Structures are given as C-alpha cells and as structure tokens.
Amino acid sequence: MSSLFPSYAIAHELPAGFTYLEEAIPEIKINLMYTGSDNFLGRPVNGYENARAVLTKSAAQALKQAQDSLKPFGLGLLVYDAYRPQRAVDDFIAWSRTDNNEMRESYYPDISKPDLFKEGYIAAKSGHSRGSTVDLTLCDLNTGKPLDMGTRIDFLGKESWPDYAGVTGQQRANRLLLRRIMMEHGFMPLQQEWWHFTLENEPFPETYFDFVAR
C-alpha cells in the first residue's frame, strides 16, 4: 500500500499543527509500545524507529487539561501510542497476512488473525494516523506505575471492552475514571478498547499522515 503523504526524516520537521507530547505536557509519562518488541507483532513496528510521541496541538492541549485535572488525586496519564504513521498501519496489515502467531497467547488468544479486521481491532486506515488519537492509561503521578485496568494495553479481545463485566470492581472503576476524564476534555472512546480515545473536534479528520516522528 503506497503512502499519499511525504515523509519527514528530521526530528523537528513536524507538519504545521503538530507537537511533541513531552514538550506540550512535560509531566506526562510516555512508553511507546511499538518502538520495542512487547506488542502484538512481537517486534518494533515500521515507522517507530527512535520515535517520539506526537499529537496535533489541539489534541495535546486537551490532553494537558486531562492530565492537570488528575493531579489533585496524585494521578497522571501514561501514553502508549499517539500519532501513528501510515507505514506502521501498513506493517500491521502485512503482519496480519503472515503465519506469525508468536504473541497470540499474550495479546489475542481468542481471536484468529483474519478476524482482527472483522472485529475492528485492525483497519487499513487508523485514526492514529490523523494525529489526534491516543492510547493511554492512568498511572501514579510520581512513580508512573499504571493502575490496574483488568487487561494489558493492546489486549485484543472482549475483556478489553470498556463495559466488559468480567473485571473486578476496582478495575471497572479505573476504566470508568479514565473514560470520564477523557470525555470531559473532548475525547471520544472506542467500543472495543478501554485505552483508545480520539479528539472529537480533530483538526485533520480526513488526512492520514505518514511522516516519521523522531
């Protein structure tokens, strides 16, 4: 699949309207899961080599407000993914067509790879590539330790649905708190993933970028 937008190889060549997340929100915790091997592909994803977390300025501003609202409770946000270049989405698709199931037990034990598309966990176009979608959780503001949400980030299955009834009361409360905070600050949740949120009034609703954020 060819990309329709230019690549940006130099760190500070972000397109207009984008910002590095650690510069916009210095206190936020970031652990980009696709830069390493602890993800459902079991390896670094194309486009994430030495990557930094990037969002549109609008999404970063709203996320900062969410972060600030959590501070009085000793909580903060831990970001696992933000802007995702189209080449990374293409890499997901290419992986889905292989027989590599190395990480199935950890990430998608009850779903076959072809059904990941049908169930809505993988798509040919991702909201992340528009720059205003973020995958994140709640964490201790000082230590960065994530709160217990009942599943690991990126677990592909019904257990990750925000309304899944099979979690403990505390896990459900943590999910609901994250959802409430994000919605209060202009983000829309996703039905299948408790960690996934998109800015409601995103500035590039029809544009899928492919620059590399280094």
N, C-alpha and C. Protein backbone atom coordinates (compact mmCIF):
# COMPACT_ATOMS: atom_id res chain seq x y z
N MET A 1 0.85 -1.19 0.00
CA MET A 1 0.00 0.00 0.00
C MET A 1 0.88 1.24 0.00
N SER A 2 0.71 2.11 -0.94
CA SER A 2 1.55 3.29 -1.03
C SER A 2 1.02 4.38 -0.12
N SER A 3 1.92 5.23 0.36
CA SER A 3 1.55 6.33 1.22
C SER A 3 1.33 7.58 0.39
N LEU A 4 0.38 8.40 0.77
CA LEU A 4 -0.01 9.56 -0.01
C LEU A 4 0.61 10.84 0.48
N PHE A 5 1.35 10.78 1.58
CA PHE A 5 1.88 11.99 2.17
C PHE A 5 3.38 11.89 2.33
N PRO A 6 4.11 13.02 2.30
CA PRO A 6 5.56 12.99 2.37
C PRO A 6 6.07 12.53 3.72
N SER A 7 7.29 11.97 3.73
CA SER A 7 7.93 11.56 4.97
C SER A 7 8.81 12.70 5.47
N TYR A 8 8.96 12.80 6.79
CA TYR A 8 9.79 13.82 7.40
C TYR A 8 10.83 13.10 8.24
N ALA A 9 12.08 13.11 7.81
CA ALA A 9 13.12 12.31 8.43
C ALA A 9 13.82 13.03 9.57
N ILE A 10 13.75 14.36 9.61
CA ILE A 10 14.46 15.12 10.62
C ILE A 10 13.52 15.41 11.79
N ALA A 11 14.07 15.36 13.00
CA ALA A 11 13.25 15.39 14.21
C ALA A 11 12.30 16.58 14.27
N HIS A 12 12.75 17.76 13.90
CA HIS A 12 11.91 18.93 14.12
C HIS A 12 11.14 19.35 12.87
N GLU A 13 11.03 18.48 11.90
CA GLU A 13 10.25 18.78 10.71
C GLU A 13 8.83 18.26 10.85
N LEU A 14 8.20 18.58 11.94
CA LEU A 14 6.80 18.19 12.11
C LEU A 14 5.93 19.07 11.22
N PRO A 15 4.87 18.51 10.67
CA PRO A 15 3.93 19.35 9.91
C PRO A 15 3.28 20.40 10.81
N ALA A 16 2.82 21.45 10.21
CA ALA A 16 2.12 22.50 10.96
C ALA A 16 0.94 21.89 11.70
N GLY A 17 0.77 22.30 12.94
CA GLY A 17 -0.36 21.81 13.74
C GLY A 17 -0.02 20.63 14.62
N PHE A 18 1.24 20.16 14.58
CA PHE A 18 1.65 19.02 15.41
C PHE A 18 2.68 19.45 16.44
N THR A 19 2.80 18.68 17.53
CA THR A 19 3.76 18.99 18.58
C THR A 19 4.25 17.70 19.22
N TYR A 20 5.46 17.75 19.77
CA TYR A 20 5.97 16.63 20.56
C TYR A 20 5.28 16.64 21.91
N LEU A 21 4.82 15.48 22.33
CA LEU A 21 3.99 15.40 23.53
C LEU A 21 4.75 15.77 24.79
N GLU A 22 6.03 15.36 24.87
CA GLU A 22 6.78 15.67 26.09
C GLU A 22 7.09 17.16 26.21
N GLU A 23 7.04 17.89 25.09
CA GLU A 23 7.22 19.33 25.15
C GLU A 23 5.92 20.04 25.52
N ALA A 24 4.80 19.52 25.05
CA ALA A 24 3.50 20.12 25.35
C ALA A 24 3.04 19.81 26.77
N ILE A 25 3.41 18.61 27.28
CA ILE A 25 2.99 18.18 28.62
C ILE A 25 4.21 17.56 29.32
N PRO A 26 5.09 18.37 29.88
CA PRO A 26 6.34 17.86 30.44
C PRO A 26 6.17 16.77 31.50
N GLU A 27 5.06 16.78 32.24
CA GLU A 27 4.88 15.81 33.33
C GLU A 27 4.30 14.48 32.86
N ILE A 28 3.88 14.38 31.61
CA ILE A 28 3.21 13.17 31.16
C ILE A 28 4.22 12.03 31.03
N LYS A 29 3.77 10.82 31.31
CA LYS A 29 4.61 9.63 31.18
C LYS A 29 4.36 9.02 29.79
N ILE A 30 5.45 8.57 29.15
CA ILE A 30 5.36 8.04 27.79
C ILE A 30 6.14 6.73 27.70
N ASN A 31 5.52 5.71 27.13
CA ASN A 31 6.18 4.43 26.88
C ASN A 31 5.63 3.88 25.57
N LEU A 32 6.20 4.31 24.46
CA LEU A 32 5.67 3.93 23.14
C LEU A 32 5.87 2.44 22.89
N MET A 33 4.78 1.69 22.90
CA MET A 33 4.87 0.23 22.86
C MET A 33 5.40 -0.30 21.53
N TYR A 34 5.22 0.44 20.45
CA TYR A 34 5.62 -0.09 19.15
C TYR A 34 7.08 0.19 18.79
N THR A 35 7.81 0.84 19.70
CA THR A 35 9.23 1.03 19.47
C THR A 35 10.03 -0.21 19.86
N GLY A 36 9.43 -1.11 20.65
CA GLY A 36 10.11 -2.32 21.11
C GLY A 36 9.41 -3.58 20.63
N SER A 37 9.59 -4.65 21.40
CA SER A 37 9.06 -5.96 20.99
C SER A 37 7.89 -6.43 21.84
N ASP A 38 7.53 -5.69 22.88
CA ASP A 38 6.40 -6.10 23.73
C ASP A 38 5.12 -5.49 23.18
N ASN A 39 4.66 -6.06 22.06
CA ASN A 39 3.42 -5.67 21.41
C ASN A 39 2.91 -6.86 20.63
N PHE A 40 1.75 -6.74 20.00
CA PHE A 40 1.15 -7.94 19.40
C PHE A 40 1.89 -8.43 18.16
N LEU A 41 2.78 -7.61 17.59
CA LEU A 41 3.62 -8.08 16.50
C LEU A 41 4.86 -8.80 17.01
N GLY A 42 5.27 -8.49 18.23
CA GLY A 42 6.46 -9.11 18.79
C GLY A 42 7.77 -8.52 18.29
N ARG A 43 7.72 -7.30 17.76
CA ARG A 43 8.91 -6.65 17.20
C ARG A 43 8.63 -5.16 17.04
N PRO A 44 9.67 -4.34 16.84
CA PRO A 44 9.43 -2.93 16.53
C PRO A 44 8.65 -2.78 15.24
N VAL A 45 7.78 -1.79 15.20
CA VAL A 45 6.90 -1.57 14.05
C VAL A 45 7.53 -0.55 13.11
N ASN A 46 7.35 -0.75 11.83
CA ASN A 46 7.88 0.17 10.83
C ASN A 46 7.37 1.59 11.08
N GLY A 47 8.30 2.54 11.11
CA GLY A 47 7.95 3.93 11.37
C GLY A 47 8.14 4.35 12.81
N TYR A 48 8.49 3.40 13.69
CA TYR A 48 8.68 3.71 15.11
C TYR A 48 10.14 3.65 15.54
N GLU A 49 11.06 3.56 14.62
CA GLU A 49 12.47 3.53 14.96
C GLU A 49 12.86 4.87 15.59
N ASN A 50 13.28 4.82 16.86
CA ASN A 50 13.67 6.04 17.60
C ASN A 50 12.54 7.07 17.62
N ALA A 51 11.31 6.60 17.61
CA ALA A 51 10.16 7.51 17.52
C ALA A 51 9.92 8.25 18.83
N ARG A 52 9.31 9.42 18.70
CA ARG A 52 8.85 10.21 19.84
C ARG A 52 7.34 10.38 19.72
N ALA A 53 6.70 10.58 20.87
CA ALA A 53 5.24 10.73 20.88
C ALA A 53 4.85 12.09 20.33
N VAL A 54 3.94 12.09 19.37
CA VAL A 54 3.48 13.31 18.70
C VAL A 54 1.97 13.30 18.63
N LEU A 55 1.37 14.49 18.81
CA LEU A 55 -0.06 14.67 18.61
C LEU A 55 -0.29 16.01 17.92
N THR A 56 -1.48 16.20 17.40
CA THR A 56 -1.83 17.53 16.94
C THR A 56 -1.83 18.47 18.16
N LYS A 57 -1.61 19.73 17.91
CA LYS A 57 -1.59 20.68 19.02
C LYS A 57 -2.93 20.74 19.74
N SER A 58 -4.02 20.58 18.99
CA SER A 58 -5.35 20.60 19.61
C SER A 58 -5.51 19.43 20.57
N ALA A 59 -5.09 18.23 20.13
CA ALA A 59 -5.22 17.05 20.98
C ALA A 59 -4.29 17.15 22.19
N ALA A 60 -3.08 17.66 21.98
CA ALA A 60 -2.13 17.80 23.08
C ALA A 60 -2.64 18.78 24.13
N GLN A 61 -3.26 19.86 23.68
CA GLN A 61 -3.81 20.84 24.62
C GLN A 61 -4.93 20.23 25.46
N ALA A 62 -5.81 19.48 24.81
CA ALA A 62 -6.90 18.82 25.53
C ALA A 62 -6.35 17.76 26.49
N LEU A 63 -5.31 17.05 26.06
CA LEU A 63 -4.71 16.03 26.91
C LEU A 63 -4.04 16.66 28.12
N LYS A 64 -3.45 17.82 27.95
CA LYS A 64 -2.85 18.51 29.08
C LYS A 64 -3.90 18.89 30.12
N GLN A 65 -5.06 19.30 29.66
CA GLN A 65 -6.14 19.62 30.59
C GLN A 65 -6.59 18.37 31.36
N ALA A 66 -6.63 17.24 30.66
CA ALA A 66 -6.98 15.98 31.33
C ALA A 66 -5.92 15.63 32.37
N GLN A 67 -4.66 15.76 32.00
CA GLN A 67 -3.57 15.49 32.93
C GLN A 67 -3.66 16.40 34.15
N ASP A 68 -3.90 17.68 33.93
CA ASP A 68 -3.99 18.63 35.04
C ASP A 68 -5.14 18.31 35.98
N SER A 69 -6.23 17.81 35.43
CA SER A 69 -7.39 17.50 36.27
C SER A 69 -7.15 16.31 37.19
N LEU A 70 -6.17 15.49 36.84
CA LEU A 70 -5.86 14.30 37.64
C LEU A 70 -4.85 14.58 38.76
N LYS A 71 -4.10 15.66 38.63
CA LYS A 71 -3.03 15.94 39.58
C LYS A 71 -3.49 15.99 41.03
N PRO A 72 -4.62 16.61 41.35
CA PRO A 72 -5.04 16.67 42.75
C PRO A 72 -5.24 15.30 43.39
N PHE A 73 -5.40 14.27 42.57
CA PHE A 73 -5.63 12.92 43.08
C PHE A 73 -4.35 12.08 43.06
N GLY A 74 -3.23 12.73 42.73
CA GLY A 74 -1.97 12.00 42.66
C GLY A 74 -1.86 11.09 41.46
N LEU A 75 -2.67 11.36 40.45
CA LEU A 75 -2.70 10.52 39.25
C LEU A 75 -2.24 11.31 38.03
N GLY A 76 -1.87 10.59 37.01
CA GLY A 76 -1.49 11.19 35.74
C GLY A 76 -1.82 10.25 34.61
N LEU A 77 -1.32 10.57 33.43
CA LEU A 77 -1.56 9.77 32.24
C LEU A 77 -0.27 9.13 31.76
N LEU A 78 -0.38 7.90 31.32
CA LEU A 78 0.74 7.16 30.73
C LEU A 78 0.36 6.82 29.30
N VAL A 79 1.10 7.37 28.34
CA VAL A 79 0.77 7.23 26.92
C VAL A 79 1.56 6.08 26.31
N TYR A 80 0.85 5.17 25.63
CA TYR A 80 1.48 4.04 24.97
C TYR A 80 1.58 4.24 23.45
N ASP A 81 0.72 5.06 22.90
CA ASP A 81 0.79 5.36 21.47
C ASP A 81 0.04 6.64 21.21
N ALA A 82 0.50 7.39 20.22
CA ALA A 82 -0.15 8.65 19.85
C ALA A 82 -0.27 8.68 18.33
N TYR A 83 0.34 9.68 17.68
CA TYR A 83 0.36 9.68 16.22
C TYR A 83 1.04 8.41 15.71
N ARG A 84 0.47 7.81 14.68
CA ARG A 84 1.00 6.57 14.08
C ARG A 84 1.10 6.77 12.58
N PRO A 85 2.30 6.71 12.01
CA PRO A 85 2.42 6.89 10.55
C PRO A 85 1.70 5.80 9.78
N GLN A 86 1.23 6.13 8.60
CA GLN A 86 0.51 5.16 7.77
C GLN A 86 1.36 3.92 7.49
N ARG A 87 2.67 4.10 7.39
CA ARG A 87 3.53 2.95 7.13
C ARG A 87 3.46 1.91 8.26
N ALA A 88 3.19 2.37 9.49
CA ALA A 88 3.02 1.44 10.60
C ALA A 88 1.72 0.65 10.44
N VAL A 89 0.66 1.33 10.02
CA VAL A 89 -0.61 0.65 9.76
C VAL A 89 -0.43 -0.38 8.64
N ASP A 90 0.32 0.00 7.61
CA ASP A 90 0.62 -0.94 6.52
C ASP A 90 1.38 -2.15 7.06
N ASP A 91 2.26 -1.92 8.03
CA ASP A 91 3.02 -3.01 8.65
C ASP A 91 2.09 -3.95 9.41
N PHE A 92 1.10 -3.39 10.12
CA PHE A 92 0.10 -4.23 10.78
C PHE A 92 -0.60 -5.14 9.78
N ILE A 93 -0.98 -4.56 8.65
CA ILE A 93 -1.71 -5.32 7.63
C ILE A 93 -0.84 -6.43 7.07
N ALA A 94 0.42 -6.10 6.76
CA ALA A 94 1.34 -7.10 6.23
C ALA A 94 1.54 -8.23 7.24
N TRP A 95 1.67 -7.87 8.52
CA TRP A 95 1.83 -8.88 9.57
C TRP A 95 0.60 -9.79 9.65
N SER A 96 -0.58 -9.21 9.49
CA SER A 96 -1.82 -10.00 9.62
C SER A 96 -1.93 -11.07 8.55
N ARG A 97 -1.17 -10.92 7.46
CA ARG A 97 -1.22 -11.88 6.36
C ARG A 97 -0.15 -12.95 6.46
N THR A 98 0.63 -12.92 7.52
CA THR A 98 1.66 -13.93 7.74
C THR A 98 1.15 -14.99 8.71
N ASP A 99 1.94 -16.05 8.88
CA ASP A 99 1.56 -17.11 9.83
C ASP A 99 2.27 -16.92 11.17
N ASN A 100 2.80 -15.73 11.42
CA ASN A 100 3.47 -15.44 12.68
C ASN A 100 2.44 -15.21 13.79
N ASN A 101 2.40 -16.13 14.74
CA ASN A 101 1.49 -16.01 15.89
C ASN A 101 2.26 -16.04 17.21
N GLU A 102 3.48 -15.51 17.19
CA GLU A 102 4.37 -15.57 18.34
C GLU A 102 3.74 -14.95 19.59
N MET A 103 2.97 -13.88 19.41
CA MET A 103 2.43 -13.15 20.56
C MET A 103 0.94 -13.43 20.80
N ARG A 104 0.42 -14.45 20.17
CA ARG A 104 -1.02 -14.69 20.28
C ARG A 104 -1.47 -14.93 21.71
N GLU A 105 -0.75 -15.74 22.45
CA GLU A 105 -1.18 -16.06 23.82
C GLU A 105 -1.27 -14.81 24.69
N SER A 106 -0.39 -13.86 24.46
CA SER A 106 -0.34 -12.65 25.29
C SER A 106 -1.32 -11.58 24.85
N TYR A 107 -1.62 -11.53 23.53
CA TYR A 107 -2.36 -10.39 23.02
C TYR A 107 -3.69 -10.71 22.32
N TYR A 108 -3.84 -11.86 21.72
CA TYR A 108 -5.11 -12.17 21.03
C TYR A 108 -5.40 -13.67 21.09
N PRO A 109 -5.48 -14.24 22.30
CA PRO A 109 -5.63 -15.70 22.44
C PRO A 109 -6.92 -16.27 21.89
N ASP A 110 -7.99 -15.47 21.82
CA ASP A 110 -9.30 -16.00 21.43
C ASP A 110 -9.76 -15.51 20.06
N ILE A 111 -8.87 -14.84 19.33
CA ILE A 111 -9.24 -14.29 18.02
C ILE A 111 -8.21 -14.72 16.99
N SER A 112 -8.67 -15.24 15.85
CA SER A 112 -7.74 -15.57 14.77
C SER A 112 -7.31 -14.29 14.07
N LYS A 113 -6.14 -14.31 13.47
CA LYS A 113 -5.62 -13.10 12.84
C LYS A 113 -6.56 -12.51 11.79
N PRO A 114 -7.16 -13.31 10.91
CA PRO A 114 -8.09 -12.72 9.94
C PRO A 114 -9.26 -12.00 10.58
N ASP A 115 -9.68 -12.46 11.76
CA ASP A 115 -10.83 -11.85 12.43
C ASP A 115 -10.48 -10.55 13.14
N LEU A 116 -9.20 -10.23 13.25
CA LEU A 116 -8.82 -8.97 13.87
C LEU A 116 -9.37 -7.78 13.09
N PHE A 117 -9.50 -7.93 11.77
CA PHE A 117 -10.12 -6.89 10.95
C PHE A 117 -11.62 -6.84 11.18
N LYS A 118 -12.25 -8.01 11.11
CA LYS A 118 -13.71 -8.08 11.25
C LYS A 118 -14.18 -7.57 12.61
N GLU A 119 -13.38 -7.81 13.64
CA GLU A 119 -13.75 -7.38 14.99
C GLU A 119 -13.38 -5.93 15.26
N GLY A 120 -12.70 -5.27 14.32
CA GLY A 120 -12.41 -3.85 14.46
C GLY A 120 -11.13 -3.50 15.19
N TYR A 121 -10.25 -4.50 15.41
CA TYR A 121 -9.01 -4.22 16.12
C TYR A 121 -7.91 -3.72 15.19
N ILE A 122 -7.97 -4.07 13.93
CA ILE A 122 -7.02 -3.59 12.93
C ILE A 122 -7.82 -3.07 11.74
N ALA A 123 -7.38 -1.96 11.16
CA ALA A 123 -8.06 -1.39 10.00
C ALA A 123 -7.01 -0.88 9.02
N ALA A 124 -7.39 -0.77 7.76
CA ALA A 124 -6.47 -0.28 6.73
C ALA A 124 -6.12 1.18 6.95
N LYS A 125 -7.00 1.92 7.61
CA LYS A 125 -6.76 3.31 7.98
C LYS A 125 -7.03 3.44 9.47
N SER A 126 -6.12 4.10 10.18
CA SER A 126 -6.25 4.26 11.62
C SER A 126 -6.42 5.71 11.99
N GLY A 127 -7.28 5.98 12.97
CA GLY A 127 -7.42 7.33 13.48
C GLY A 127 -6.11 7.88 14.02
N HIS A 128 -5.23 7.00 14.47
CA HIS A 128 -3.93 7.44 14.97
C HIS A 128 -3.16 8.21 13.89
N SER A 129 -3.33 7.84 12.64
CA SER A 129 -2.59 8.49 11.56
C SER A 129 -3.10 9.89 11.26
N ARG A 130 -4.25 10.25 11.81
CA ARG A 130 -4.75 11.62 11.67
C ARG A 130 -4.17 12.53 12.75
N GLY A 131 -3.52 11.94 13.75
CA GLY A 131 -2.76 12.71 14.71
C GLY A 131 -3.47 13.14 15.97
N SER A 132 -4.74 12.77 16.14
CA SER A 132 -5.49 13.22 17.32
C SER A 132 -6.06 12.06 18.12
N THR A 133 -5.48 10.87 17.95
CA THR A 133 -5.91 9.69 18.69
C THR A 133 -4.76 9.23 19.57
N VAL A 134 -5.10 8.80 20.78
CA VAL A 134 -4.08 8.40 21.74
C VAL A 134 -4.50 7.13 22.47
N ASP A 135 -3.54 6.25 22.73
CA ASP A 135 -3.74 5.07 23.57
C ASP A 135 -3.03 5.33 24.89
N LEU A 136 -3.75 5.20 26.00
CA LEU A 136 -3.16 5.59 27.28
C LEU A 136 -3.88 4.95 28.44
N THR A 137 -3.31 5.13 29.63
CA THR A 137 -3.92 4.64 30.85
C THR A 137 -3.67 5.64 31.96
N LEU A 138 -4.24 5.36 33.13
CA LEU A 138 -3.98 6.14 34.32
C LEU A 138 -2.77 5.57 35.05
N CYS A 139 -2.00 6.45 35.70
CA CYS A 139 -0.85 5.98 36.45
C CYS A 139 -0.64 6.83 37.68
N ASP A 140 0.18 6.33 38.60
CA ASP A 140 0.62 7.12 39.74
C ASP A 140 1.45 8.28 39.22
N LEU A 141 1.12 9.49 39.63
CA LEU A 141 1.78 10.67 39.09
C LEU A 141 3.27 10.69 39.38
N ASN A 142 3.68 10.16 40.52
CA ASN A 142 5.09 10.21 40.91
C ASN A 142 5.90 9.04 40.37
N THR A 143 5.36 7.84 40.48
CA THR A 143 6.13 6.65 40.10
C THR A 143 5.91 6.24 38.65
N GLY A 144 4.79 6.66 38.07
CA GLY A 144 4.46 6.24 36.72
C GLY A 144 3.87 4.85 36.63
N LYS A 145 3.65 4.20 37.79
CA LYS A 145 3.09 2.85 37.78
C LYS A 145 1.64 2.89 37.32
N PRO A 146 1.28 2.10 36.29
CA PRO A 146 -0.10 2.13 35.78
C PRO A 146 -1.09 1.52 36.75
N LEU A 147 -2.31 2.06 36.74
CA LEU A 147 -3.39 1.48 37.53
C LEU A 147 -3.86 0.18 36.86
N ASP A 148 -4.45 -0.69 37.65
CA ASP A 148 -4.92 -1.98 37.16
C ASP A 148 -6.22 -1.79 36.39
N MET A 149 -6.19 -2.08 35.09
CA MET A 149 -7.36 -1.93 34.23
C MET A 149 -7.98 -3.27 33.84
N GLY A 150 -7.42 -4.36 34.34
CA GLY A 150 -8.02 -5.66 34.06
C GLY A 150 -7.40 -6.40 32.90
N THR A 151 -6.83 -5.68 31.94
CA THR A 151 -6.08 -6.31 30.85
C THR A 151 -4.85 -5.46 30.57
N ARG A 152 -3.90 -6.03 29.89
CA ARG A 152 -2.76 -5.27 29.45
C ARG A 152 -3.17 -4.35 28.30
N ILE A 153 -2.40 -3.34 28.04
CA ILE A 153 -2.66 -2.47 26.90
C ILE A 153 -2.56 -3.30 25.62
N ASP A 154 -3.45 -3.04 24.68
CA ASP A 154 -3.47 -3.71 23.38
C ASP A 154 -3.88 -5.18 23.44
N PHE A 155 -4.51 -5.61 24.54
CA PHE A 155 -5.07 -6.96 24.56
C PHE A 155 -6.29 -6.96 23.66
N LEU A 156 -6.27 -7.81 22.63
CA LEU A 156 -7.31 -7.79 21.62
C LEU A 156 -8.35 -8.87 21.94
N GLY A 157 -9.40 -8.46 22.58
CA GLY A 157 -10.44 -9.39 22.98
C GLY A 157 -11.53 -8.67 23.75
N LYS A 158 -12.62 -9.38 24.01
CA LYS A 158 -13.78 -8.76 24.66
C LYS A 158 -13.44 -8.26 26.06
N GLU A 159 -12.40 -8.84 26.67
CA GLU A 159 -12.01 -8.40 28.02
C GLU A 159 -11.56 -6.94 28.04
N SER A 160 -11.18 -6.41 26.88
CA SER A 160 -10.72 -5.02 26.80
C SER A 160 -11.83 -4.03 26.51
N TRP A 161 -13.03 -4.53 26.25
CA TRP A 161 -14.14 -3.61 26.01
C TRP A 161 -14.40 -2.82 27.30
N PRO A 162 -14.56 -1.51 27.22
CA PRO A 162 -14.75 -0.70 28.43
C PRO A 162 -15.87 -1.18 29.33
N ASP A 163 -16.92 -1.75 28.76
CA ASP A 163 -18.08 -2.18 29.55
C ASP A 163 -18.05 -3.67 29.90
N TYR A 164 -16.93 -4.33 29.68
CA TYR A 164 -16.84 -5.76 29.99
C TYR A 164 -17.09 -6.00 31.48
N ALA A 165 -18.00 -6.93 31.76
CA ALA A 165 -18.46 -7.13 33.14
C ALA A 165 -17.56 -8.07 33.94
N GLY A 166 -16.61 -8.71 33.31
CA GLY A 166 -15.81 -9.72 33.99
C GLY A 166 -14.59 -9.22 34.73
N VAL A 167 -14.49 -7.90 34.92
CA VAL A 167 -13.37 -7.35 35.69
C VAL A 167 -13.81 -7.09 37.12
N THR A 168 -12.85 -6.81 37.98
CA THR A 168 -13.19 -6.53 39.38
C THR A 168 -13.80 -5.13 39.50
N GLY A 169 -14.37 -4.85 40.64
CA GLY A 169 -14.96 -3.54 40.86
C GLY A 169 -13.93 -2.43 40.74
N GLN A 170 -12.73 -2.65 41.28
CA GLN A 170 -11.69 -1.62 41.21
C GLN A 170 -11.22 -1.42 39.77
N GLN A 171 -11.06 -2.51 39.03
CA GLN A 171 -10.64 -2.39 37.64
C GLN A 171 -11.69 -1.63 36.82
N ARG A 172 -12.93 -1.93 37.06
CA ARG A 172 -14.01 -1.22 36.35
C ARG A 172 -14.04 0.26 36.74
N ALA A 173 -13.82 0.54 38.02
CA ALA A 173 -13.78 1.93 38.46
C ALA A 173 -12.63 2.69 37.79
N ASN A 174 -11.49 2.03 37.65
CA ASN A 174 -10.35 2.67 36.99
C ASN A 174 -10.65 2.95 35.53
N ARG A 175 -11.29 2.02 34.86
CA ARG A 175 -11.67 2.22 33.46
C ARG A 175 -12.65 3.38 33.32
N LEU A 176 -13.63 3.40 34.22
CA LEU A 176 -14.64 4.46 34.14
C LEU A 176 -14.04 5.83 34.44
N LEU A 177 -13.08 5.88 35.36
CA LEU A 177 -12.44 7.15 35.67
C LEU A 177 -11.67 7.67 34.46
N LEU A 178 -10.91 6.80 33.82
CA LEU A 178 -10.18 7.20 32.62
C LEU A 178 -11.14 7.68 31.54
N ARG A 179 -12.19 6.93 31.33
CA ARG A 179 -13.17 7.30 30.30
C ARG A 179 -13.83 8.65 30.61
N ARG A 180 -14.20 8.85 31.88
CA ARG A 180 -14.87 10.10 32.26
C ARG A 180 -13.94 11.30 32.07
N ILE A 181 -12.71 11.16 32.53
CA ILE A 181 -11.75 12.26 32.41
C ILE A 181 -11.50 12.61 30.95
N MET A 182 -11.33 11.60 30.12
CA MET A 182 -11.04 11.87 28.71
C MET A 182 -12.25 12.48 28.00
N MET A 183 -13.43 11.99 28.28
CA MET A 183 -14.63 12.54 27.64
C MET A 183 -14.89 13.97 28.11
N GLU A 184 -14.62 14.26 29.38
CA GLU A 184 -14.81 15.61 29.89
C GLU A 184 -13.91 16.62 29.18
N HIS A 185 -12.82 16.12 28.60
CA HIS A 185 -11.88 17.01 27.94
C HIS A 185 -11.87 16.84 26.42
N GLY A 186 -12.99 16.36 25.90
CA GLY A 186 -13.21 16.40 24.46
C GLY A 186 -12.81 15.19 23.66
N PHE A 187 -12.53 14.08 24.32
CA PHE A 187 -12.13 12.86 23.61
C PHE A 187 -13.28 11.86 23.56
N MET A 188 -13.36 11.14 22.44
CA MET A 188 -14.36 10.09 22.28
C MET A 188 -13.72 8.72 22.51
N PRO A 189 -14.40 7.84 23.25
CA PRO A 189 -13.86 6.50 23.49
C PRO A 189 -14.16 5.57 22.31
N LEU A 190 -13.52 4.40 22.35
CA LEU A 190 -13.76 3.35 21.36
C LEU A 190 -14.43 2.17 22.04
N GLN A 191 -15.37 1.55 21.36
CA GLN A 191 -16.16 0.48 21.97
C GLN A 191 -15.30 -0.72 22.37
N GLN A 192 -14.27 -1.04 21.56
CA GLN A 192 -13.53 -2.27 21.78
C GLN A 192 -12.30 -2.12 22.68
N GLU A 193 -11.87 -0.89 23.00
CA GLU A 193 -10.60 -0.73 23.69
C GLU A 193 -10.71 0.34 24.78
N TRP A 194 -10.49 -0.03 26.02
CA TRP A 194 -10.63 0.92 27.12
C TRP A 194 -9.57 2.03 27.06
N TRP A 195 -8.48 1.82 26.35
CA TRP A 195 -7.34 2.75 26.31
C TRP A 195 -7.36 3.73 25.15
N HIS A 196 -8.29 3.62 24.24
CA HIS A 196 -8.25 4.33 22.95
C HIS A 196 -9.23 5.51 22.94
N PHE A 197 -8.69 6.71 22.63
CA PHE A 197 -9.51 7.92 22.62
C PHE A 197 -9.11 8.82 21.45
N THR A 198 -10.13 9.46 20.83
CA THR A 198 -9.90 10.37 19.71
C THR A 198 -10.53 11.72 20.02
N LEU A 199 -9.79 12.79 19.76
CA LEU A 199 -10.32 14.13 19.97
C LEU A 199 -11.56 14.33 19.10
N GLU A 200 -12.65 14.75 19.72
CA GLU A 200 -13.92 14.86 18.99
C GLU A 200 -13.83 15.85 17.84
N ASN A 201 -13.25 17.00 18.06
CA ASN A 201 -13.12 18.01 17.02
C ASN A 201 -11.70 18.00 16.47
N GLU A 202 -11.26 16.86 15.95
CA GLU A 202 -9.89 16.74 15.47
C GLU A 202 -9.65 17.64 14.25
N PRO A 203 -8.47 18.23 14.14
CA PRO A 203 -8.22 19.21 13.08
C PRO A 203 -8.01 18.61 11.69
N PHE A 204 -7.66 17.31 11.60
CA PHE A 204 -7.40 16.68 10.30
C PHE A 204 -8.25 15.42 10.15
N PRO A 205 -9.57 15.56 10.10
CA PRO A 205 -10.45 14.39 10.13
C PRO A 205 -10.38 13.52 8.88
N GLU A 206 -9.84 14.02 7.79
CA GLU A 206 -9.79 13.24 6.55
C GLU A 206 -8.36 12.99 6.07
N THR A 207 -7.36 13.37 6.85
CA THR A 207 -5.97 13.28 6.41
C THR A 207 -5.22 12.21 7.20
N TYR A 208 -4.57 11.29 6.47
CA TYR A 208 -3.80 10.22 7.09
C TYR A 208 -2.32 10.45 6.76
N PHE A 209 -1.57 10.86 7.78
CA PHE A 209 -0.18 11.27 7.59
C PHE A 209 0.78 10.08 7.62
N ASP A 210 1.97 10.29 7.08
CA ASP A 210 2.98 9.24 7.06
C ASP A 210 4.37 9.77 7.42
N PHE A 211 4.46 10.90 8.09
CA PHE A 211 5.78 11.38 8.49
C PHE A 211 6.26 10.58 9.69
N VAL A 212 7.58 10.50 9.83
CA VAL A 212 8.20 9.78 10.93
C VAL A 212 8.56 10.76 12.03
N ALA A 213 8.08 10.54 13.24
CA ALA A 213 8.23 11.49 14.35
C ALA A 213 9.46 11.12 15.18
N ARG A 214 10.59 11.72 14.85
CA ARG A 214 11.83 11.44 15.59
C ARG A 214 12.34 12.69 16.24
